[in-house]
Amino acid sequence: MDAAKREFLEDFTFKACDHMYARDERTGFQSIKNVWTEMGWDGDALWRDTVRNSQTTKSFNSFLFQENLMPRLKRLGLISERIAPRYRELGLLD
């Protein structure tokens, strides 16, 4: 595969992982925030706390990323030295 195509695929897979990785208030199933807010609670604060401390979220992210996606992306050669620092910033790569 030529370099331009490889970089395109590297960037595409990184963006997909970035959008799927529930680590802050811009990701995940946020409709619950609206429910909490309508109930008079601080939906944003509850969401951040839930994402930060939820064992379910941690288990899901571990299963999806650490056990499945990251090993496959490495095996496919889609985590080059160029893109690896961006995965490290997300916390998906050691």
N, C-alpha and C. Protein backbone atom coordinates (compact mmCIF):
# COMPACT_ATOMS: atom_id res chain seq x y z
N MET A 1 0.85 -1.17 0.00
CA MET A 1 0.00 0.00 0.00
C MET A 1 0.90 1.24 0.00
N ASP A 2 0.53 2.22 -0.80
CA ASP A 2 1.37 3.41 -0.84
C ASP A 2 1.18 4.26 0.42
N ALA A 3 2.12 5.14 0.66
CA ALA A 3 2.16 5.91 1.91
C ALA A 3 0.91 6.76 2.12
N ALA A 4 0.41 7.37 1.08
CA ALA A 4 -0.77 8.24 1.22
C ALA A 4 -2.00 7.44 1.65
N LYS A 5 -2.18 6.26 1.08
CA LYS A 5 -3.31 5.42 1.46
C LYS A 5 -3.17 4.93 2.90
N ARG A 6 -1.96 4.55 3.27
CA ARG A 6 -1.71 4.09 4.65
C ARG A 6 -1.99 5.21 5.64
N GLU A 7 -1.52 6.41 5.37
CA GLU A 7 -1.78 7.53 6.27
C GLU A 7 -3.27 7.83 6.36
N PHE A 8 -3.98 7.74 5.24
CA PHE A 8 -5.43 7.95 5.25
C PHE A 8 -6.10 6.93 6.17
N LEU A 9 -5.73 5.66 6.05
CA LEU A 9 -6.32 4.62 6.90
C LEU A 9 -5.93 4.79 8.36
N GLU A 10 -4.68 5.18 8.62
CA GLU A 10 -4.25 5.44 9.99
C GLU A 10 -5.09 6.57 10.61
N ASP A 11 -5.26 7.65 9.86
CA ASP A 11 -6.05 8.78 10.37
C ASP A 11 -7.51 8.41 10.56
N PHE A 12 -8.06 7.65 9.62
CA PHE A 12 -9.45 7.22 9.72
C PHE A 12 -9.68 6.36 10.96
N THR A 13 -8.81 5.37 11.18
CA THR A 13 -9.00 4.49 12.34
C THR A 13 -8.78 5.25 13.64
N PHE A 14 -7.85 6.21 13.64
CA PHE A 14 -7.65 7.01 14.84
C PHE A 14 -8.91 7.82 15.16
N LYS A 15 -9.47 8.47 14.15
CA LYS A 15 -10.67 9.28 14.38
C LYS A 15 -11.82 8.41 14.88
N ALA A 16 -11.96 7.22 14.32
CA ALA A 16 -13.02 6.31 14.78
C ALA A 16 -12.81 5.94 16.25
N CYS A 17 -11.59 5.61 16.62
CA CYS A 17 -11.30 5.28 18.02
C CYS A 17 -11.52 6.48 18.93
N ASP A 18 -11.10 7.64 18.48
CA ASP A 18 -11.28 8.86 19.26
C ASP A 18 -12.75 9.12 19.55
N HIS A 19 -13.60 8.92 18.56
CA HIS A 19 -15.03 9.16 18.75
C HIS A 19 -15.69 8.08 19.60
N MET A 20 -15.19 6.88 19.55
CA MET A 20 -15.80 5.78 20.32
C MET A 20 -15.34 5.72 21.77
N TYR A 21 -14.16 6.25 22.05
CA TYR A 21 -13.57 6.11 23.38
C TYR A 21 -14.26 7.05 24.37
N ALA A 22 -15.12 6.50 25.22
CA ALA A 22 -15.88 7.31 26.17
C ALA A 22 -14.99 7.71 27.33
N ARG A 23 -14.49 8.93 27.27
CA ARG A 23 -13.61 9.40 28.34
C ARG A 23 -13.98 10.80 28.81
N ASP A 24 -14.89 11.46 28.13
CA ASP A 24 -15.29 12.80 28.56
C ASP A 24 -16.72 13.09 28.15
N GLU A 25 -17.15 14.32 28.37
CA GLU A 25 -18.55 14.64 28.16
C GLU A 25 -18.96 14.74 26.70
N ARG A 26 -18.05 14.62 25.76
CA ARG A 26 -18.43 14.73 24.36
C ARG A 26 -18.67 13.36 23.70
N THR A 27 -18.53 12.28 24.45
CA THR A 27 -18.66 10.96 23.86
C THR A 27 -19.69 10.12 24.59
N GLY A 28 -20.03 9.01 23.98
CA GLY A 28 -20.90 8.05 24.64
C GLY A 28 -22.38 8.39 24.50
N PHE A 29 -23.20 7.72 25.30
CA PHE A 29 -24.65 7.90 25.25
C PHE A 29 -25.02 9.07 26.16
N GLN A 30 -25.14 10.25 25.57
CA GLN A 30 -25.34 11.45 26.36
C GLN A 30 -26.80 11.81 26.57
N SER A 31 -27.73 11.10 26.00
CA SER A 31 -29.13 11.47 26.17
C SER A 31 -29.55 11.45 27.63
N ILE A 32 -28.87 10.64 28.43
CA ILE A 32 -29.20 10.59 29.86
C ILE A 32 -28.92 11.93 30.52
N LYS A 33 -27.97 12.72 29.98
CA LYS A 33 -27.70 14.04 30.54
C LYS A 33 -28.94 14.92 30.50
N ASN A 34 -29.68 14.81 29.41
CA ASN A 34 -30.91 15.61 29.29
C ASN A 34 -31.92 15.21 30.36
N VAL A 35 -32.04 13.92 30.60
CA VAL A 35 -32.96 13.43 31.63
C VAL A 35 -32.56 13.97 32.99
N TRP A 36 -31.27 13.87 33.33
CA TRP A 36 -30.78 14.35 34.62
C TRP A 36 -31.03 15.86 34.76
N THR A 37 -30.76 16.60 33.68
CA THR A 37 -30.95 18.04 33.72
C THR A 37 -32.43 18.38 33.93
N GLU A 38 -33.32 17.68 33.23
CA GLU A 38 -34.76 17.91 33.40
C GLU A 38 -35.22 17.59 34.81
N MET A 39 -34.50 16.70 35.49
CA MET A 39 -34.84 16.36 36.86
C MET A 39 -34.28 17.38 37.85
N GLY A 40 -33.54 18.38 37.33
CA GLY A 40 -33.00 19.42 38.18
C GLY A 40 -31.60 19.14 38.68
N TRP A 41 -30.97 18.10 38.19
CA TRP A 41 -29.62 17.76 38.58
C TRP A 41 -28.63 18.37 37.61
N ASP A 42 -27.38 18.41 37.98
CA ASP A 42 -26.32 18.90 37.10
C ASP A 42 -25.90 17.76 36.18
N GLY A 43 -26.54 17.70 35.01
CA GLY A 43 -26.30 16.61 34.07
C GLY A 43 -24.86 16.50 33.62
N ASP A 44 -24.21 17.64 33.39
CA ASP A 44 -22.81 17.61 32.93
C ASP A 44 -21.89 17.02 34.00
N ALA A 45 -22.07 17.46 35.25
CA ALA A 45 -21.22 16.94 36.33
C ALA A 45 -21.46 15.46 36.55
N LEU A 46 -22.71 15.04 36.52
CA LEU A 46 -23.02 13.62 36.70
C LEU A 46 -22.42 12.79 35.57
N TRP A 47 -22.50 13.30 34.35
CA TRP A 47 -21.95 12.58 33.20
C TRP A 47 -20.44 12.41 33.35
N ARG A 48 -19.73 13.50 33.68
CA ARG A 48 -18.27 13.41 33.84
C ARG A 48 -17.91 12.41 34.93
N ASP A 49 -18.63 12.46 36.05
CA ASP A 49 -18.36 11.53 37.15
C ASP A 49 -18.63 10.09 36.73
N THR A 50 -19.71 9.88 35.99
CA THR A 50 -20.06 8.54 35.53
C THR A 50 -19.00 7.98 34.60
N VAL A 51 -18.58 8.77 33.63
CA VAL A 51 -17.58 8.31 32.67
C VAL A 51 -16.25 8.06 33.38
N ARG A 52 -15.89 8.93 34.30
CA ARG A 52 -14.61 8.82 35.00
C ARG A 52 -14.57 7.61 35.93
N ASN A 53 -15.69 7.28 36.58
CA ASN A 53 -15.67 6.28 37.65
C ASN A 53 -16.45 5.00 37.36
N SER A 54 -17.13 4.93 36.26
CA SER A 54 -17.98 3.78 35.98
C SER A 54 -17.16 2.53 35.66
N GLN A 55 -17.37 1.48 36.43
CA GLN A 55 -16.70 0.21 36.15
C GLN A 55 -17.19 -0.36 34.82
N THR A 56 -18.45 -0.12 34.49
CA THR A 56 -18.99 -0.60 33.22
C THR A 56 -18.26 0.06 32.06
N THR A 57 -18.06 1.38 32.15
CA THR A 57 -17.34 2.09 31.09
C THR A 57 -15.90 1.59 30.99
N LYS A 58 -15.25 1.41 32.13
CA LYS A 58 -13.87 0.92 32.13
C LYS A 58 -13.78 -0.48 31.53
N SER A 59 -14.71 -1.35 31.90
CA SER A 59 -14.71 -2.72 31.37
C SER A 59 -14.98 -2.73 29.87
N PHE A 60 -15.95 -1.92 29.44
CA PHE A 60 -16.27 -1.84 28.02
C PHE A 60 -15.07 -1.34 27.23
N ASN A 61 -14.45 -0.25 27.70
CA ASN A 61 -13.30 0.30 26.98
C ASN A 61 -12.14 -0.69 26.94
N SER A 62 -11.92 -1.40 28.03
CA SER A 62 -10.85 -2.40 28.05
C SER A 62 -11.14 -3.50 27.04
N PHE A 63 -12.36 -4.02 27.05
CA PHE A 63 -12.73 -5.08 26.12
C PHE A 63 -12.62 -4.60 24.67
N LEU A 64 -13.21 -3.46 24.38
CA LEU A 64 -13.24 -2.98 23.00
C LEU A 64 -11.87 -2.59 22.49
N PHE A 65 -11.15 -1.80 23.27
CA PHE A 65 -9.89 -1.25 22.78
C PHE A 65 -8.69 -2.12 23.10
N GLN A 66 -8.43 -2.38 24.37
CA GLN A 66 -7.21 -3.08 24.76
C GLN A 66 -7.20 -4.54 24.33
N GLU A 67 -8.35 -5.19 24.39
CA GLU A 67 -8.39 -6.62 24.06
C GLU A 67 -8.69 -6.89 22.59
N ASN A 68 -9.29 -5.94 21.89
CA ASN A 68 -9.71 -6.21 20.52
C ASN A 68 -9.12 -5.25 19.48
N LEU A 69 -9.52 -3.99 19.52
CA LEU A 69 -9.12 -3.07 18.45
C LEU A 69 -7.62 -2.80 18.38
N MET A 70 -7.02 -2.43 19.49
CA MET A 70 -5.62 -2.04 19.44
C MET A 70 -4.70 -3.18 18.96
N PRO A 71 -4.86 -4.41 19.46
CA PRO A 71 -4.01 -5.49 18.93
C PRO A 71 -4.22 -5.71 17.42
N ARG A 72 -5.44 -5.58 16.97
CA ARG A 72 -5.70 -5.78 15.54
C ARG A 72 -5.12 -4.65 14.70
N LEU A 73 -5.27 -3.41 15.17
CA LEU A 73 -4.70 -2.29 14.43
C LEU A 73 -3.18 -2.40 14.37
N LYS A 74 -2.55 -2.86 15.45
CA LYS A 74 -1.10 -3.07 15.45
C LYS A 74 -0.72 -4.14 14.43
N ARG A 75 -1.47 -5.27 14.46
CA ARG A 75 -1.18 -6.37 13.56
C ARG A 75 -1.34 -5.95 12.10
N LEU A 76 -2.31 -5.07 11.83
CA LEU A 76 -2.53 -4.58 10.46
C LEU A 76 -1.53 -3.50 10.05
N GLY A 77 -0.72 -3.05 10.99
CA GLY A 77 0.26 -2.01 10.69
C GLY A 77 -0.34 -0.62 10.61
N LEU A 78 -1.48 -0.40 11.29
CA LEU A 78 -2.14 0.90 11.22
C LEU A 78 -1.83 1.81 12.41
N ILE A 79 -0.85 1.41 13.22
CA ILE A 79 -0.38 2.27 14.29
C ILE A 79 1.11 2.49 14.06
N SER A 80 1.40 3.47 13.25
CA SER A 80 2.79 3.79 12.92
C SER A 80 3.36 4.75 13.96
N GLU A 81 4.64 5.02 13.85
CA GLU A 81 5.28 5.99 14.74
C GLU A 81 4.66 7.37 14.55
N ARG A 82 4.12 7.65 13.37
CA ARG A 82 3.48 8.94 13.11
C ARG A 82 2.20 9.10 13.92
N ILE A 83 1.39 8.04 14.02
CA ILE A 83 0.07 8.14 14.65
C ILE A 83 0.08 7.68 16.11
N ALA A 84 1.05 6.89 16.51
CA ALA A 84 1.11 6.34 17.87
C ALA A 84 1.02 7.40 18.96
N PRO A 85 1.70 8.55 18.84
CA PRO A 85 1.59 9.56 19.90
C PRO A 85 0.15 10.04 20.13
N ARG A 86 -0.66 10.07 19.09
CA ARG A 86 -2.05 10.50 19.25
C ARG A 86 -2.84 9.46 20.05
N TYR A 87 -2.56 8.18 19.83
CA TYR A 87 -3.21 7.13 20.63
C TYR A 87 -2.75 7.20 22.08
N ARG A 88 -1.48 7.53 22.28
CA ARG A 88 -0.96 7.66 23.65
C ARG A 88 -1.65 8.81 24.39
N GLU A 89 -1.90 9.90 23.69
CA GLU A 89 -2.59 11.05 24.30
C GLU A 89 -3.99 10.64 24.78
N LEU A 90 -4.65 9.76 24.05
CA LEU A 90 -5.98 9.28 24.45
C LEU A 90 -5.90 8.29 25.59
N GLY A 91 -4.75 7.69 25.77
CA GLY A 91 -4.61 6.65 26.79
C GLY A 91 -4.89 5.27 26.26
N LEU A 92 -4.87 5.11 24.96
CA LEU A 92 -5.15 3.80 24.35
C LEU A 92 -3.89 3.02 24.04
N LEU A 93 -2.74 3.62 24.17
CA LEU A 93 -1.49 2.96 23.83
C LEU A 93 -0.47 3.30 24.90
N ASP A 94 0.28 2.30 25.31
CA ASP A 94 1.32 2.53 26.31
C ASP A 94 2.55 3.13 25.70
